[in-house]
């Protein structure tokens, strides 16, 4: 995560895939401004650290499917 308090210049670090918990938290906020789950996936797919690591389906499952429920 790159914040405005970072002493480094933006763009000097490699992007990594954000954790599911972070994307889920951001997704909750995006739902509050009426983005659909599909719209949220489209939004994230254009972001560095995500665009090369996921298909639409994989990203949707990564964010919105609660695997803990399925593994009981």
C-alpha atoms as a PDB file:
ATOM      1  CA  UNK A   1       0.000   0.000   0.000  1.00  0.00           C
ATOM      2  CA  UNK A   2       1.336   3.427  -0.889  1.00  0.00           C
ATOM      3  CA  UNK A   3       0.175   6.272   1.331  1.00  0.00           C
ATOM      4  CA  UNK A   4       0.519  10.024   1.096  1.00  0.00           C
ATOM      5  CA  UNK A   5       2.782   9.911   4.166  1.00  0.00           C
ATOM      6  CA  UNK A   6       5.387   7.749   2.421  1.00  0.00           C
ATOM      7  CA  UNK A   7       8.753   9.432   2.026  1.00  0.00           C
ATOM      8  CA  UNK A   8       9.328   7.546  -1.259  1.00  0.00           C
ATOM      9  CA  UNK A   9       8.344   8.711  -4.704  1.00  0.00           C
ATOM     10  CA  UNK A  10       5.258   6.958  -6.056  1.00  0.00           C
ATOM     11  CA  UNK A  11       6.110   4.509  -8.798  1.00  0.00           C
ATOM     12  CA  UNK A  12       9.509   3.514  -7.409  1.00  0.00           C
ATOM     13  CA  UNK A  13       8.219   0.269  -5.854  1.00  0.00           C
ATOM     14  CA  UNK A  14       6.857  -2.901  -7.423  1.00  0.00           C
ATOM     15  CA  UNK A  15       3.163  -3.571  -7.017  1.00  0.00           C
ATOM     16  CA  UNK A  16       2.078  -6.750  -5.260  1.00  0.00           C
ATOM     17  CA  UNK A  17      -1.297  -8.448  -5.027  1.00  0.00           C
ATOM     18  CA  UNK A  18      -3.266  -6.943  -2.156  1.00  0.00           C
ATOM     19  CA  UNK A  19      -4.633  -9.340   0.450  1.00  0.00           C
ATOM     20  CA  UNK A  20      -8.240 -10.519   0.229  1.00  0.00           C
ATOM     21  CA  UNK A  21      -9.074  -8.675   3.469  1.00  0.00           C
ATOM     22  CA  UNK A  22      -7.963  -5.343   1.985  1.00  0.00           C
ATOM     23  CA  UNK A  23      -9.901  -5.796  -1.267  1.00  0.00           C
ATOM     24  CA  UNK A  24     -12.975  -6.897   0.685  1.00  0.00           C
ATOM     25  CA  UNK A  25     -12.807  -3.779   2.854  1.00  0.00           C
ATOM     26  CA  UNK A  26     -12.472  -1.479  -0.171  1.00  0.00           C
ATOM     27  CA  UNK A  27     -15.297  -3.397  -1.874  1.00  0.00           C
ATOM     28  CA  UNK A  28     -17.646  -2.684   1.027  1.00  0.00           C
ATOM     29  CA  UNK A  29     -17.044   1.029   0.544  1.00  0.00           C
ATOM     30  CA  UNK A  30     -17.573   0.787  -3.213  1.00  0.00           C
ATOM     31  CA  UNK A  31     -20.886  -1.031  -2.631  1.00  0.00           C
ATOM     32  CA  UNK A  32     -21.992   1.898  -0.474  1.00  0.00           C
ATOM     33  CA  UNK A  33     -21.707   4.173  -3.531  1.00  0.00           C
ATOM     34  CA  UNK A  34     -23.881   1.728  -5.505  1.00  0.00           C
ATOM     35  CA  UNK A  35     -21.255  -0.178  -7.458  1.00  0.00           C
ATOM     36  CA  UNK A  36     -22.329  -3.733  -8.214  1.00  0.00           C
ATOM     37  CA  UNK A  37     -20.035  -6.651  -7.477  1.00  0.00           C
ATOM     38  CA  UNK A  38     -19.343  -6.888 -11.205  1.00  0.00           C
ATOM     39  CA  UNK A  39     -18.553  -3.155 -11.324  1.00  0.00           C
ATOM     40  CA  UNK A  40     -16.167  -3.530  -8.407  1.00  0.00           C
ATOM     41  CA  UNK A  41     -14.349  -6.371 -10.165  1.00  0.00           C
ATOM     42  CA  UNK A  42     -14.044  -4.275 -13.334  1.00  0.00           C
ATOM     43  CA  UNK A  43     -12.685  -1.360 -11.283  1.00  0.00           C
ATOM     44  CA  UNK A  44     -10.053  -3.504  -9.581  1.00  0.00           C
ATOM     45  CA  UNK A  45      -8.996  -5.238 -12.811  1.00  0.00           C
ATOM     46  CA  UNK A  46      -7.604  -1.948 -14.076  1.00  0.00           C
ATOM     47  CA  UNK A  47      -5.368  -1.410 -11.034  1.00  0.00           C
ATOM     48  CA  UNK A  48      -1.651  -2.192 -10.747  1.00  0.00           C
ATOM     49  CA  UNK A  49      -0.994  -5.347  -8.759  1.00  0.00           C
ATOM     50  CA  UNK A  50      -4.267  -6.891  -9.884  1.00  0.00           C
ATOM     51  CA  UNK A  51      -4.560  -6.571 -13.660  1.00  0.00           C
ATOM     52  CA  UNK A  52      -1.973  -9.265 -14.418  1.00  0.00           C
ATOM     53  CA  UNK A  53      -2.790 -11.685 -11.609  1.00  0.00           C
ATOM     54  CA  UNK A  54      -6.509 -12.352 -12.002  1.00  0.00           C
ATOM     55  CA  UNK A  55      -9.218 -13.212 -14.469  1.00  0.00           C
ATOM     56  CA  UNK A  56     -12.656 -11.679 -13.796  1.00  0.00           C
ATOM     57  CA  UNK A  57     -13.909 -14.939 -12.311  1.00  0.00           C
ATOM     58  CA  UNK A  58     -10.875 -15.467 -10.079  1.00  0.00           C
ATOM     59  CA  UNK A  59     -10.990 -11.911  -8.780  1.00  0.00           C
ATOM     60  CA  UNK A  60     -14.728 -12.172  -8.088  1.00  0.00           C
ATOM     61  CA  UNK A  61     -14.164 -15.357  -6.073  1.00  0.00           C
ATOM     62  CA  UNK A  62     -11.113 -13.880  -4.329  1.00  0.00           C
ATOM     63  CA  UNK A  63     -13.138 -10.903  -3.081  1.00  0.00           C
ATOM     64  CA  UNK A  64     -16.687 -12.139  -2.627  1.00  0.00           C
ATOM     65  CA  UNK A  65     -16.667 -15.888  -1.930  1.00  0.00           C
ATOM     66  CA  UNK A  66     -16.234 -16.811   1.712  1.00  0.00           C
ATOM     67  CA  UNK A  67     -14.098 -19.940   1.488  1.00  0.00           C
ATOM     68  CA  UNK A  68     -14.236 -20.475   5.253  1.00  0.00           C
ATOM     69  CA  UNK A  69     -17.929 -21.359   4.945  1.00  0.00           C
ATOM     70  CA  UNK A  70     -17.247 -23.918   2.211  1.00  0.00           C
ATOM     71  CA  UNK A  71     -14.443 -25.590   4.143  1.00  0.00           C
ATOM     72  CA  UNK A  72     -16.427 -26.505   7.286  1.00  0.00           C
END
